[in-house]
Each structure stands twice: as structure tokens, then as C-alpha cells.
Amino acid sequence: MLPAPSFHHLHLNSVDPDAAIDFYLRQFATSARASWGGRPALAAPNNVLVLFTRVAAAPATSPQTALWHFGWHVTDTRASLESYQSRPDLELLPLYTTDEGGSVFISSDTGRALVRRPA
């Protein structure tokens, strides 16, 4: 059996890397400020780094791009969602499930959102 795949780091563009790192430290208390290769970084407890590259301008919002975005897994999704919903400095964006406007905050709820119940 092959070992589970892993990765060392990802790069994220930011107009203010220090502010971005501060934000993530507030949201993920087990993370730590770090640096790697001369770049400011966020270190996760599983030895993954998020490296920040300073850029002059924020990305265009239309059309949106996944290049300025990443998802991070948490161990207790429901408890984390409840915690994040109570934080005034955090805006949660839903995952869209249907063209009719259906959405969920937890991806595993997508199947339940797509089930059509008889009238």
C-alpha cells in the first residue's frame, strides 16, 4: 500500500501578508507564524505551510478565480461551523448546490440539499 499523499506548502497572494497571517492565526489557533525561503508563512500543526507572496493589488472579483482561494479541512466540521458563525470578523460564504439558489455550508450536506421531496 502506498503512503497517503501529502504536500509541503502552497503559495497565496496577498496585498498584506502580515494582516492575512494575523487573520488565519485568529481563526486557526493551532497555527503559528513562520517563514520559509524568506517568505512570511503560516505553519499548520500537520507540517503544512501557507506561504504568502506580497502583490500590489487584490484579485478581480468578476469573474472570480480559485487562484486566490484555498479550502482548509477542520476535524469537527459541525462544531467549527458553529464557532465560525459566532465570529463577527468572519464572513462565511456558502457552497452553492443548485441553479435555483440552494446552498450549504458543509460540503457533505450537498446530497441532502439536492434530494427533491415529493409535494
PDB file of N, CA and C in Angstrom:
ATOM      1  N   MET A   1       0.847  -1.184   0.000  1.00  0.00           N
ATOM      2  CA  MET A   1       0.000   0.000   0.000  1.00  0.00           C
ATOM      3  C   MET A   1       0.891   1.245   0.000  1.00  0.00           C
ATOM      4  N   LEU A   2       0.515   2.204  -0.798  1.00  0.00           N
ATOM      5  CA  LEU A   2       1.277   3.447  -0.875  1.00  0.00           C
ATOM      6  C   LEU A   2       0.956   4.342   0.323  1.00  0.00           C
ATOM      7  N   PRO A   3       1.920   5.164   0.734  1.00  0.00           N
ATOM      8  CA  PRO A   3       1.628   6.099   1.822  1.00  0.00           C
ATOM      9  C   PRO A   3       0.627   7.159   1.357  1.00  0.00           C
ATOM     10  N   ALA A   4      -0.076   7.736   2.308  1.00  0.00           N
ATOM     11  CA  ALA A   4      -1.036   8.793   1.981  1.00  0.00           C
ATOM     12  C   ALA A   4      -0.295   9.969   1.342  1.00  0.00           C
ATOM     13  N   PRO A   5      -0.866  10.570   0.290  1.00  0.00           N
ATOM     14  CA  PRO A   5      -0.207  11.718  -0.324  1.00  0.00           C
ATOM     15  C   PRO A   5      -0.187  12.900   0.639  1.00  0.00           C
ATOM     16  N   SER A   6       0.795  13.753   0.470  1.00  0.00           N
ATOM     17  CA  SER A   6       0.887  14.945   1.303  1.00  0.00           C
ATOM     18  C   SER A   6       1.506  16.062   0.482  1.00  0.00           C
ATOM     19  N   PHE A   7       1.513  17.251   1.018  1.00  0.00           N
ATOM     20  CA  PHE A   7       2.194  18.352   0.368  1.00  0.00           C
ATOM     21  C   PHE A   7       2.860  19.202   1.433  1.00  0.00           C
ATOM     22  N   HIS A   8       3.847  19.951   1.019  1.00  0.00           N
ATOM     23  CA  HIS A   8       4.649  20.745   1.950  1.00  0.00           C
ATOM     24  C   HIS A   8       4.084  22.145   2.138  1.00  0.00           C
ATOM     25  N   HIS A   9       3.684  22.790   1.048  1.00  0.00           N
ATOM     26  CA  HIS A   9       3.226  24.171   1.149  1.00  0.00           C
ATOM     27  C   HIS A   9       2.369  24.546  -0.054  1.00  0.00           C
ATOM     28  N   LEU A  10       1.703  25.675   0.093  1.00  0.00           N
ATOM     29  CA  LEU A  10       1.045  26.307  -1.032  1.00  0.00           C
ATOM     30  C   LEU A  10       1.348  27.787  -0.943  1.00  0.00           C
ATOM     31  N   HIS A  11       1.291  28.443  -2.076  1.00  0.00           N
ATOM     32  CA  HIS A  11       1.538  29.886  -2.134  1.00  0.00           C
ATOM     33  C   HIS A  11       0.200  30.600  -2.234  1.00  0.00           C
ATOM     34  N   LEU A  12       0.068  31.706  -1.519  1.00  0.00           N
ATOM     35  CA  LEU A  12      -1.144  32.512  -1.570  1.00  0.00           C
ATOM     36  C   LEU A  12      -0.732  33.962  -1.759  1.00  0.00           C
ATOM     37  N   ASN A  13      -1.285  34.617  -2.770  1.00  0.00           N
ATOM     38  CA  ASN A  13      -1.026  36.040  -2.979  1.00  0.00           C
ATOM     39  C   ASN A  13      -1.782  36.855  -1.949  1.00  0.00           C
ATOM     40  N   SER A  14      -1.184  37.975  -1.516  1.00  0.00           N
ATOM     41  CA  SER A  14      -1.831  38.845  -0.537  1.00  0.00           C
ATOM     42  C   SER A  14      -1.290  40.258  -0.688  1.00  0.00           C
ATOM     43  N   VAL A  15      -2.182  41.241  -0.576  1.00  0.00           N
ATOM     44  CA  VAL A  15      -1.718  42.634  -0.583  1.00  0.00           C
ATOM     45  C   VAL A  15      -1.105  43.000   0.766  1.00  0.00           C
ATOM     46  N   ASP A  16      -1.398  42.219   1.806  1.00  0.00           N
ATOM     47  CA  ASP A  16      -0.843  42.470   3.140  1.00  0.00           C
ATOM     48  C   ASP A  16      -0.613  41.128   3.850  1.00  0.00           C
ATOM     49  N   PRO A  17       0.513  40.481   3.580  1.00  0.00           N
ATOM     50  CA  PRO A  17       0.761  39.164   4.170  1.00  0.00           C
ATOM     51  C   PRO A  17       0.668  39.135   5.697  1.00  0.00           C
ATOM     52  N   ASP A  18       1.168  40.164   6.383  1.00  0.00           N
ATOM     53  CA  ASP A  18       1.099  40.160   7.849  1.00  0.00           C
ATOM     54  C   ASP A  18      -0.343  40.174   8.346  1.00  0.00           C
ATOM     55  N   ALA A  19      -1.197  40.975   7.715  1.00  0.00           N
ATOM     56  CA  ALA A  19      -2.605  41.013   8.107  1.00  0.00           C
ATOM     57  C   ALA A  19      -3.285  39.678   7.785  1.00  0.00           C
ATOM     58  N   ALA A  20      -2.938  39.080   6.666  1.00  0.00           N
ATOM     59  CA  ALA A  20      -3.520  37.785   6.303  1.00  0.00           C
ATOM     60  C   ALA A  20      -3.120  36.721   7.323  1.00  0.00           C
ATOM     61  N   ILE A  21      -1.855  36.692   7.701  1.00  0.00           N
ATOM     62  CA  ILE A  21      -1.394  35.724   8.694  1.00  0.00           C
ATOM     63  C   ILE A  21      -2.087  35.963  10.026  1.00  0.00           C
ATOM     64  N   ASP A  22      -2.223  37.221  10.434  1.00  0.00           N
ATOM     65  CA  ASP A  22      -2.934  37.532  11.685  1.00  0.00           C
ATOM     66  C   ASP A  22      -4.365  37.004  11.650  1.00  0.00           C
ATOM     67  N   PHE A  23      -5.038  37.173  10.513  1.00  0.00           N
ATOM     68  CA  PHE A  23      -6.405  36.670  10.371  1.00  0.00           C
ATOM     69  C   PHE A  23      -6.442  35.157  10.577  1.00  0.00           C
ATOM     70  N   TYR A  24      -5.580  34.432   9.880  1.00  0.00           N
ATOM     71  CA  TYR A  24      -5.584  32.972   9.999  1.00  0.00           C
ATOM     72  C   TYR A  24      -5.211  32.513  11.401  1.00  0.00           C
ATOM     73  N   LEU A  25      -4.322  33.223  12.070  1.00  0.00           N
ATOM     74  CA  LEU A  25      -3.972  32.861  13.448  1.00  0.00           C
ATOM     75  C   LEU A  25      -5.180  32.990  14.373  1.00  0.00           C
ATOM     76  N   ARG A  26      -6.031  33.998  14.131  1.00  0.00           N
ATOM     77  CA  ARG A  26      -7.250  34.147  14.949  1.00  0.00           C
ATOM     78  C   ARG A  26      -8.241  33.021  14.665  1.00  0.00           C
ATOM     79  N   GLN A  27      -8.322  32.579  13.431  1.00  0.00           N
ATOM     80  CA  GLN A  27      -9.309  31.573  13.062  1.00  0.00           C
ATOM     81  C   GLN A  27      -8.835  30.149  13.353  1.00  0.00           C
ATOM     82  N   PHE A  28      -7.546  29.910  13.273  1.00  0.00           N
ATOM     83  CA  PHE A  28      -6.971  28.574  13.483  1.00  0.00           C
ATOM     84  C   PHE A  28      -5.902  28.680  14.567  1.00  0.00           C
ATOM     85  N   ALA A  29      -6.345  28.568  15.796  1.00  0.00           N
ATOM     86  CA  ALA A  29      -5.467  28.808  16.949  1.00  0.00           C
ATOM     87  C   ALA A  29      -4.285  27.851  17.033  1.00  0.00           C
ATOM     88  N   THR A  30      -4.338  26.712  16.378  1.00  0.00           N
ATOM     89  CA  THR A  30      -3.228  25.768  16.436  1.00  0.00           C
ATOM     90  C   THR A  30      -2.146  26.087  15.398  1.00  0.00           C
ATOM     91  N   SER A  31      -2.374  27.109  14.570  1.00  0.00           N
ATOM     92  CA  SER A  31      -1.379  27.524  13.582  1.00  0.00           C
ATOM     93  C   SER A  31      -0.376  28.473  14.223  1.00  0.00           C
ATOM     94  N   ALA A  32       0.727  28.703  13.534  1.00  0.00           N
ATOM     95  CA  ALA A  32       1.770  29.587  14.056  1.00  0.00           C
ATOM     96  C   ALA A  32       2.369  30.410  12.922  1.00  0.00           C
ATOM     97  N   ARG A  33       2.848  31.600  13.277  1.00  0.00           N
ATOM     98  CA  ARG A  33       3.558  32.440  12.316  1.00  0.00           C
ATOM     99  C   ARG A  33       4.917  31.792  12.050  1.00  0.00           C
ATOM    100  N   ALA A  34       5.331  31.807  10.777  1.00  0.00           N
ATOM    101  CA  ALA A  34       6.607  31.198  10.411  1.00  0.00           C
ATOM    102  C   ALA A  34       7.164  31.932   9.191  1.00  0.00           C
ATOM    103  N   SER A  35       8.269  31.458   8.708  1.00  0.00           N
ATOM    104  CA  SER A  35       8.799  31.919   7.431  1.00  0.00           C
ATOM    105  C   SER A  35       9.512  30.739   6.791  1.00  0.00           C
ATOM    106  N   TRP A  36       9.611  30.779   5.474  1.00  0.00           N
ATOM    107  CA  TRP A  36      10.284  29.708   4.755  1.00  0.00           C
ATOM    108  C   TRP A  36      10.804  30.286   3.454  1.00  0.00           C
ATOM    109  N   GLY A  37      12.054  30.094   3.173  1.00  0.00           N
ATOM    110  CA  GLY A  37      12.639  30.630   1.953  1.00  0.00           C
ATOM    111  C   GLY A  37      12.544  32.135   1.869  1.00  0.00           C
ATOM    112  N   GLY A  38      12.540  32.811   3.021  1.00  0.00           N
ATOM    113  CA  GLY A  38      12.438  34.264   3.048  1.00  0.00           C
ATOM    114  C   GLY A  38      11.030  34.808   2.898  1.00  0.00           C
ATOM    115  N   ARG A  39      10.048  33.942   2.834  1.00  0.00           N
ATOM    116  CA  ARG A  39       8.651  34.378   2.684  1.00  0.00           C
ATOM    117  C   ARG A  39       7.916  34.249   4.017  1.00  0.00           C
ATOM    118  N   PRO A  40       7.028  35.216   4.314  1.00  0.00           N
ATOM    119  CA  PRO A  40       6.191  35.058   5.504  1.00  0.00           C
ATOM    120  C   PRO A  40       5.258  33.872   5.307  1.00  0.00           C
ATOM    121  N   ALA A  41       4.978  33.153   6.386  1.00  0.00           N
ATOM    122  CA  ALA A  41       4.197  31.926   6.253  1.00  0.00           C
ATOM    123  C   ALA A  41       3.324  31.684   7.472  1.00  0.00           C
ATOM    124  N   LEU A  42       2.358  30.822   7.276  1.00  0.00           N
ATOM    125  CA  LEU A  42       1.507  30.290   8.334  1.00  0.00           C
ATOM    126  C   LEU A  42       1.827  28.808   8.412  1.00  0.00           C
ATOM    127  N   ALA A  43       2.165  28.322   9.604  1.00  0.00           N
ATOM    128  CA  ALA A  43       2.502  26.911   9.780  1.00  0.00           C
ATOM    129  C   ALA A  43       1.347  26.199  10.463  1.00  0.00           C
ATOM    130  N   ALA A  44       0.837  25.156   9.829  1.00  0.00           N
ATOM    131  CA  ALA A  44      -0.216  24.336  10.413  1.00  0.00           C
ATOM    132  C   ALA A  44       0.439  23.234  11.248  1.00  0.00           C
ATOM    133  N   PRO A  45      -0.285  22.695  12.220  1.00  0.00           N
ATOM    134  CA  PRO A  45       0.301  21.665  13.082  1.00  0.00           C
ATOM    135  C   PRO A  45       0.620  20.350  12.368  1.00  0.00           C
ATOM    136  N   ASN A  46       0.175  20.187  11.123  1.00  0.00           N
ATOM    137  CA  ASN A  46       0.464  18.962  10.372  1.00  0.00           C
ATOM    138  C   ASN A  46       1.625  19.153   9.396  1.00  0.00           C
ATOM    139  N   ASN A  47       2.475  20.154   9.688  1.00  0.00           N
ATOM    140  CA  ASN A  47       3.685  20.426   8.897  1.00  0.00           C
ATOM    141  C   ASN A  47       3.408  20.930   7.491  1.00  0.00           C
ATOM    142  N   VAL A  48       2.293  21.579   7.275  1.00  0.00           N
ATOM    143  CA  VAL A  48       1.979  22.222   6.009  1.00  0.00           C
ATOM    144  C   VAL A  48       2.136  23.723   6.205  1.00  0.00           C
ATOM    145  N   LEU A  49       2.736  24.383   5.227  1.00  0.00           N
ATOM    146  CA  LEU A  49       2.926  25.827   5.274  1.00  0.00           C
ATOM    147  C   LEU A  49       2.060  26.516   4.225  1.00  0.00           C
ATOM    148  N   VAL A  50       1.541  27.685   4.562  1.00  0.00           N
ATOM    149  CA  VAL A  50       0.928  28.579   3.591  1.00  0.00           C
ATOM    150  C   VAL A  50       1.906  29.734   3.463  1.00  0.00           C
ATOM    151  N   LEU A  51       2.514  29.870   2.284  1.00  0.00           N
ATOM    152  CA  LEU A  51       3.490  30.921   2.032  1.00  0.00           C
ATOM    153  C   LEU A  51       2.794  32.089   1.361  1.00  0.00           C
ATOM    154  N   PHE A  52       3.053  33.286   1.850  1.00  0.00           N
ATOM    155  CA  PHE A  52       2.387  34.473   1.333  1.00  0.00           C
ATOM    156  C   PHE A  52       3.327  35.274   0.448  1.00  0.00           C
ATOM    157  N   THR A  53       2.845  35.627  -0.735  1.00  0.00           N
ATOM    158  CA  THR A  53       3.576  36.460  -1.668  1.00  0.00           C
ATOM    159  C   THR A  53       2.867  37.809  -1.741  1.00  0.00           C
ATOM    160  N   ARG A  54       3.605  38.886  -1.432  1.00  0.00           N
ATOM    161  CA  ARG A  54       3.010  40.225  -1.488  1.00  0.00           C
ATOM    162  C   ARG A  54       2.799  40.622  -2.943  1.00  0.00           C
ATOM    163  N   VAL A  55       1.583  41.102  -3.231  1.00  0.00           N
ATOM    164  CA  VAL A  55       1.236  41.606  -4.555  1.00  0.00           C
ATOM    165  C   VAL A  55       0.665  43.013  -4.404  1.00  0.00           C
ATOM    166  N   ALA A  56       0.645  43.754  -5.497  1.00  0.00           N
ATOM    167  CA  ALA A  56       0.248  45.159  -5.446  1.00  0.00           C
ATOM    168  C   ALA A  56      -1.255  45.369  -5.366  1.00  0.00           C
ATOM    169  N   ALA A  57      -2.049  44.442  -5.891  1.00  0.00           N
ATOM    170  CA  ALA A  57      -3.499  44.658  -5.943  1.00  0.00           C
ATOM    171  C   ALA A  57      -4.238  43.357  -5.670  1.00  0.00           C
ATOM    172  N   ALA A  58      -5.416  43.494  -5.101  1.00  0.00           N
ATOM    173  CA  ALA A  58      -6.286  42.342  -4.851  1.00  0.00           C
ATOM    174  C   ALA A  58      -6.798  41.793  -6.187  1.00  0.00           C
ATOM    175  N   PRO A  59      -7.273  40.557  -6.204  1.00  0.00           N
ATOM    176  CA  PRO A  59      -7.744  39.965  -7.463  1.00  0.00           C
ATOM    177  C   PRO A  59      -9.056  40.585  -7.922  1.00  0.00           C
ATOM    178  N   ALA A  60      -9.315  40.440  -9.190  1.00  0.00           N
ATOM    179  CA  ALA A  60     -10.611  40.853  -9.724  1.00  0.00           C
ATOM    180  C   ALA A  60     -11.687  39.976  -9.099  1.00  0.00           C
ATOM    181  N   THR A  61     -12.834  40.556  -8.837  1.00  0.00           N
ATOM    182  CA  THR A  61     -13.923  39.771  -8.245  1.00  0.00           C
ATOM    183  C   THR A  61     -14.890  39.237  -9.299  1.00  0.00           C
ATOM    184  N   SER A  62     -14.732  39.673 -10.539  1.00  0.00           N
ATOM    185  CA  SER A  62     -15.596  39.170 -11.592  1.00  0.00           C
ATOM    186  C   SER A  62     -14.793  39.083 -12.887  1.00  0.00           C
ATOM    187  N   PRO A  63     -14.587  37.935 -13.456  1.00  0.00           N
ATOM    188  CA  PRO A  63     -15.001  36.652 -12.897  1.00  0.00           C
ATOM    189  C   PRO A  63     -14.089  36.262 -11.734  1.00  0.00           C
ATOM    190  N   GLN A  64     -14.644  35.451 -10.839  1.00  0.00           N
ATOM    191  CA  GLN A  64     -13.864  35.009  -9.696  1.00  0.00           C
ATOM    192  C   GLN A  64     -12.847  33.975 -10.132  1.00  0.00           C
ATOM    193  N   THR A  65     -11.817  33.825  -9.330  1.00  0.00           N
ATOM    194  CA  THR A  65     -10.790  32.845  -9.646  1.00  0.00           C
ATOM    195  C   THR A  65     -10.441  32.034  -8.407  1.00  0.00           C
ATOM    196  N   ALA A  66     -10.217  30.770  -8.591  1.00  0.00           N
ATOM    197  CA  ALA A  66      -9.805  29.895  -7.488  1.00  0.00           C
ATOM    198  C   ALA A  66      -8.337  30.098  -7.152  1.00  0.00           C
ATOM    199  N   LEU A  67      -7.610  30.839  -7.949  1.00  0.00           N
ATOM    200  CA  LEU A  67      -6.187  31.028  -7.703  1.00  0.00           C
ATOM    201  C   LEU A  67      -5.918  31.860  -6.447  1.00  0.00           C
ATOM    202  N   TRP A  68      -6.908  32.567  -5.947  1.00  0.00           N
ATOM    203  CA  TRP A  68      -6.750  33.373  -4.748  1.00  0.00           C
ATOM    204  C   TRP A  68      -7.521  32.741  -3.593  1.00  0.00           C
ATOM    205  N   HIS A  69      -7.724  31.462  -3.630  1.00  0.00           N
ATOM    206  CA  HIS A  69      -8.586  30.808  -2.656  1.00  0.00           C
ATOM    207  C   HIS A  69      -8.049  29.416  -2.352  1.00  0.00           C
ATOM    208  N   PHE A  70      -8.242  28.984  -1.132  1.00  0.00           N
ATOM    209  CA  PHE A  70      -7.971  27.589  -0.798  1.00  0.00           C
ATOM    210  C   PHE A  70      -8.924  27.171   0.300  1.00  0.00           C
ATOM    211  N   GLY A  71      -9.178  25.890   0.398  1.00  0.00           N
ATOM    212  CA  GLY A  71     -10.037  25.354   1.448  1.00  0.00           C
ATOM    213  C   GLY A  71      -9.183  24.629   2.466  1.00  0.00           C
ATOM    214  N   TRP A  72      -9.606  24.660   3.713  1.00  0.00           N
ATOM    215  CA  TRP A  72      -8.844  24.035   4.787  1.00  0.00           C
ATOM    216  C   TRP A  72      -9.778  23.131   5.564  1.00  0.00           C
ATOM    217  N   HIS A  73      -9.394  21.902   5.763  1.00  0.00           N
ATOM    218  CA  HIS A  73     -10.223  20.931   6.466  1.00  0.00           C
ATOM    219  C   HIS A  73     -10.098  21.114   7.974  1.00  0.00           C
ATOM    220  N   VAL A  74     -11.200  21.002   8.671  1.00  0.00           N
ATOM    221  CA  VAL A  74     -11.201  21.019  10.138  1.00  0.00           C
ATOM    222  C   VAL A  74     -11.684  19.658  10.629  1.00  0.00           C
ATOM    223  N   THR A  75     -11.281  19.274  11.829  1.00  0.00           N
ATOM    224  CA  THR A  75     -11.588  17.926  12.301  1.00  0.00           C
ATOM    225  C   THR A  75     -13.034  17.740  12.742  1.00  0.00           C
ATOM    226  N   ASP A  76     -13.664  18.749  13.303  1.00  0.00           N
ATOM    227  CA  ASP A  76     -15.063  18.649  13.712  1.00  0.00           C
ATOM    228  C   ASP A  76     -15.837  19.736  12.979  1.00  0.00           C
ATOM    229  N   THR A  77     -16.329  19.398  11.809  1.00  0.00           N
ATOM    230  CA  THR A  77     -16.939  20.377  10.921  1.00  0.00           C
ATOM    231  C   THR A  77     -18.126  21.096  11.551  1.00  0.00           C
ATOM    232  N   ARG A  78     -19.013  20.368  12.175  1.00  0.00           N
ATOM    233  CA  ARG A  78     -20.224  20.991  12.745  1.00  0.00           C
ATOM    234  C   ARG A  78     -19.869  21.940  13.896  1.00  0.00           C
ATOM    235  N   ALA A  79     -18.978  21.530  14.787  1.00  0.00           N
ATOM    236  CA  ALA A  79     -18.567  22.400  15.892  1.00  0.00           C
ATOM    237  C   ALA A  79     -17.822  23.623  15.354  1.00  0.00           C
ATOM    238  N   SER A  80     -16.993  23.410  14.343  1.00  0.00           N
ATOM    239  CA  SER A  80     -16.263  24.541  13.759  1.00  0.00           C
ATOM    240  C   SER A  80     -17.216  25.516  13.093  1.00  0.00           C
ATOM    241  N   LEU A  81     -18.202  25.012  12.367  1.00  0.00           N
ATOM    242  CA  LEU A  81     -19.177  25.888  11.726  1.00  0.00           C
ATOM    243  C   LEU A  81     -19.887  26.744  12.768  1.00  0.00           C
ATOM    244  N   GLU A  82     -20.323  26.135  13.851  1.00  0.00           N
ATOM    245  CA  GLU A  82     -20.994  26.887  14.915  1.00  0.00           C
ATOM    246  C   GLU A  82     -20.073  27.963  15.473  1.00  0.00           C
ATOM    247  N   SER A  83     -18.832  27.622  15.677  1.00  0.00           N
ATOM    248  CA  SER A  83     -17.864  28.596  16.192  1.00  0.00           C
ATOM    249  C   SER A  83     -17.653  29.739  15.201  1.00  0.00           C
ATOM    250  N   TYR A  84     -17.467  29.398  13.925  1.00  0.00           N
ATOM    251  CA  TYR A  84     -17.230  30.436  12.920  1.00  0.00           C
ATOM    252  C   TYR A  84     -18.450  31.333  12.736  1.00  0.00           C
ATOM    253  N   GLN A  85     -19.646  30.783  12.849  1.00  0.00           N
ATOM    254  CA  GLN A  85     -20.860  31.595  12.700  1.00  0.00           C
ATOM    255  C   GLN A  85     -20.985  32.630  13.816  1.00  0.00           C
ATOM    256  N   SER A  86     -20.342  32.407  14.941  1.00  0.00           N
ATOM    257  CA  SER A  86     -20.434  33.351  16.057  1.00  0.00           C
ATOM    258  C   SER A  86     -19.364  34.440  16.004  1.00  0.00           C
ATOM    259  N   ARG A  87     -18.471  34.396  15.048  1.00  0.00           N
ATOM    260  CA  ARG A  87     -17.362  35.353  14.979  1.00  0.00           C
ATOM    261  C   ARG A  87     -17.728  36.553  14.109  1.00  0.00           C
ATOM    262  N   PRO A  88     -17.739  37.759  14.699  1.00  0.00           N
ATOM    263  CA  PRO A  88     -18.153  38.938  13.936  1.00  0.00           C
ATOM    264  C   PRO A  88     -17.162  39.359  12.853  1.00  0.00           C
ATOM    265  N   ASP A  89     -15.908  38.936  12.956  1.00  0.00           N
ATOM    266  CA  ASP A  89     -14.919  39.352  11.961  1.00  0.00           C
ATOM    267  C   ASP A  89     -14.764  38.345  10.826  1.00  0.00           C
ATOM    268  N   LEU A  90     -15.714  37.423  10.717  1.00  0.00           N
ATOM    269  CA  LEU A  90     -15.614  36.363   9.721  1.00  0.00           C
ATOM    270  C   LEU A  90     -16.890  36.310   8.901  1.00  0.00           C
ATOM    271  N   GLU A  91     -16.742  36.306   7.589  1.00  0.00           N
ATOM    272  CA  GLU A  91     -17.895  36.155   6.697  1.00  0.00           C
ATOM    273  C   GLU A  91     -17.829  34.765   6.074  1.00  0.00           C
ATOM    274  N   LEU A  92     -18.816  33.948   6.346  1.00  0.00           N
ATOM    275  CA  LEU A  92     -18.874  32.613   5.756  1.00  0.00           C
ATOM    276  C   LEU A  92     -19.596  32.695   4.421  1.00  0.00           C
ATOM    277  N   LEU A  93     -19.027  32.070   3.423  1.00  0.00           N
ATOM    278  CA  LEU A  93     -19.643  32.043   2.105  1.00  0.00           C
ATOM    279  C   LEU A  93     -20.150  30.633   1.836  1.00  0.00           C
ATOM    280  N   PRO A  94     -21.395  30.501   1.400  1.00  0.00           N
ATOM    281  CA  PRO A  94     -21.976  29.170   1.193  1.00  0.00           C
ATOM    282  C   PRO A  94     -21.434  28.484  -0.049  1.00  0.00           C
ATOM    283  N   LEU A  95     -21.597  27.183  -0.065  1.00  0.00           N
ATOM    284  CA  LEU A  95     -21.325  26.371  -1.253  1.00  0.00           C
ATOM    285  C   LEU A  95     -22.655  26.219  -1.982  1.00  0.00           C
ATOM    286  N   TYR A  96     -22.702  26.573  -3.247  1.00  0.00           N
ATOM    287  CA  TYR A  96     -23.964  26.526  -3.976  1.00  0.00           C
ATOM    288  C   TYR A  96     -24.236  25.122  -4.487  1.00  0.00           C
ATOM    289  N   THR A  97     -25.492  24.713  -4.398  1.00  0.00           N
ATOM    290  CA  THR A  97     -25.858  23.346  -4.766  1.00  0.00           C
ATOM    291  C   THR A  97     -26.778  23.261  -5.969  1.00  0.00           C
ATOM    292  N   THR A  98     -27.515  24.312  -6.262  1.00  0.00           N
ATOM    293  CA  THR A  98     -28.462  24.254  -7.380  1.00  0.00           C
ATOM    294  C   THR A  98     -28.527  25.591  -8.102  1.00  0.00           C
ATOM    295  N   ASP A  99     -28.979  25.537  -9.331  1.00  0.00           N
ATOM    296  CA  ASP A  99     -29.194  26.773 -10.084  1.00  0.00           C
ATOM    297  C   ASP A  99     -30.339  27.586  -9.500  1.00  0.00           C
ATOM    298  N   GLU A 100     -31.184  26.930  -8.706  1.00  0.00           N
ATOM    299  CA  GLU A 100     -32.322  27.623  -8.089  1.00  0.00           C
ATOM    300  C   GLU A 100     -31.915  28.395  -6.838  1.00  0.00           C
ATOM    301  N   GLY A 101     -30.648  28.322  -6.460  1.00  0.00           N
ATOM    302  CA  GLY A 101     -30.183  29.094  -5.312  1.00  0.00           C
ATOM    303  C   GLY A 101     -29.944  28.291  -4.054  1.00  0.00           C
ATOM    304  N   GLY A 102     -30.024  26.975  -4.112  1.00  0.00           N
ATOM    305  CA  GLY A 102     -29.754  26.165  -2.936  1.00  0.00           C
ATOM    306  C   GLY A 102     -28.302  26.297  -2.508  1.00  0.00           C
ATOM    307  N   SER A 103     -28.049  26.208  -1.214  1.00  0.00           N
ATOM    308  CA  SER A 103     -26.674  26.295  -0.734  1.00  0.00           C
ATOM    309  C   SER A 103     -26.530  25.571   0.600  1.00  0.00           C
ATOM    310  N   VAL A 104     -25.302  25.243   0.928  1.00  0.00           N
ATOM    311  CA  VAL A 104     -24.954  24.607   2.199  1.00  0.00           C
ATOM    312  C   VAL A 104     -23.651  25.220   2.687  1.00  0.00           C
ATOM    313  N   PHE A 105     -23.345  25.030   3.952  1.00  0.00           N
ATOM    314  CA  PHE A 105     -22.055  25.461   4.489  1.00  0.00           C
ATOM    315  C   PHE A 105     -21.097  24.287   4.679  1.00  0.00           C
ATOM    316  N   ILE A 106     -21.614  23.071   4.672  1.00  0.00           N
ATOM    317  CA  ILE A 106     -20.800  21.873   4.842  1.00  0.00           C
ATOM    318  C   ILE A 106     -20.995  21.010   3.602  1.00  0.00           C
ATOM    319  N   SER A 107     -19.892  20.702   2.923  1.00  0.00           N
ATOM    320  CA  SER A 107     -19.998  20.032   1.623  1.00  0.00           C
ATOM    321  C   SER A 107     -20.733  18.697   1.690  1.00  0.00           C
ATOM    322  N   SER A 108     -20.606  17.965   2.789  1.00  0.00           N
ATOM    323  CA  SER A 108     -21.303  16.679   2.881  1.00  0.00           C
ATOM    324  C   SER A 108     -22.818  16.849   2.970  1.00  0.00           C
ATOM    325  N   ASP A 109     -23.299  18.059   3.216  1.00  0.00           N
ATOM    326  CA  ASP A 109     -24.739  18.315   3.218  1.00  0.00           C
ATOM    327  C   ASP A 109     -25.292  18.488   1.806  1.00  0.00           C
ATOM    328  N   THR A 110     -24.420  18.543   0.813  1.00  0.00           N
ATOM    329  CA  THR A 110     -24.849  18.770  -0.567  1.00  0.00           C
ATOM    330  C   THR A 110     -25.848  17.725  -1.023  1.00  0.00           C
ATOM    331  N   GLY A 111     -25.595  16.460  -0.745  1.00  0.00           N
ATOM    332  CA  GLY A 111     -26.508  15.393  -1.158  1.00  0.00           C
ATOM    333  C   GLY A 111     -27.894  15.579  -0.593  1.00  0.00           C
ATOM    334  N   ARG A 112     -27.982  15.975   0.668  1.00  0.00           N
ATOM    335  CA  ARG A 112     -29.297  16.208   1.276  1.00  0.00           C
ATOM    336  C   ARG A 112     -29.985  17.401   0.656  1.00  0.00           C
ATOM    337  N   ALA A 113     -29.213  18.421   0.271  1.00  0.00           N
ATOM    338  CA  ALA A 113     -29.805  19.621  -0.335  1.00  0.00           C
ATOM    339  C   ALA A 113     -30.341  19.333  -1.727  1.00  0.00           C
ATOM    340  N   LEU A 114     -29.773  18.339  -2.407  1.00  0.00           N
ATOM    341  CA  LEU A 114     -30.198  18.037  -3.767  1.00  0.00           C
ATOM    342  C   LEU A 114     -31.377  17.086  -3.837  1.00  0.00           C
ATOM    343  N   VAL A 115     -31.686  16.439  -2.742  1.00  0.00           N
ATOM    344  CA  VAL A 115     -32.802  15.479  -2.732  1.00  0.00           C
ATOM    345  C   VAL A 115     -34.108  16.260  -2.846  1.00  0.00           C
ATOM    346  N   ARG A 116     -34.903  15.894  -3.835  1.00  0.00           N
ATOM    347  CA  ARG A 116     -36.207  16.543  -4.026  1.00  0.00           C
ATOM    348  C   ARG A 116     -37.260  15.713  -3.301  1.00  0.00           C
ATOM    349  N   ARG A 117     -37.958  16.363  -2.423  1.00  0.00           N
ATOM    350  CA  ARG A 117     -39.016  15.669  -1.687  1.00  0.00           C
ATOM    351  C   ARG A 117     -40.346  15.837  -2.423  1.00  0.00           C
ATOM    352  N   PRO A 118     -41.158  14.775  -2.471  1.00  0.00           N
ATOM    353  CA  PRO A 118     -42.453  14.905  -3.153  1.00  0.00           C
ATOM    354  C   PRO A 118     -43.338  15.916  -2.445  1.00  0.00           C
ATOM    355  N   ALA A 119     -44.152  16.589  -3.222  1.00  0.00           N
ATOM    356  CA  ALA A 119     -45.049  17.615  -2.666  1.00  0.00           C
ATOM    357  C   ALA A 119     -46.188  17.003  -1.911  1.00  0.00           C
TER     358      ALA A 119
END
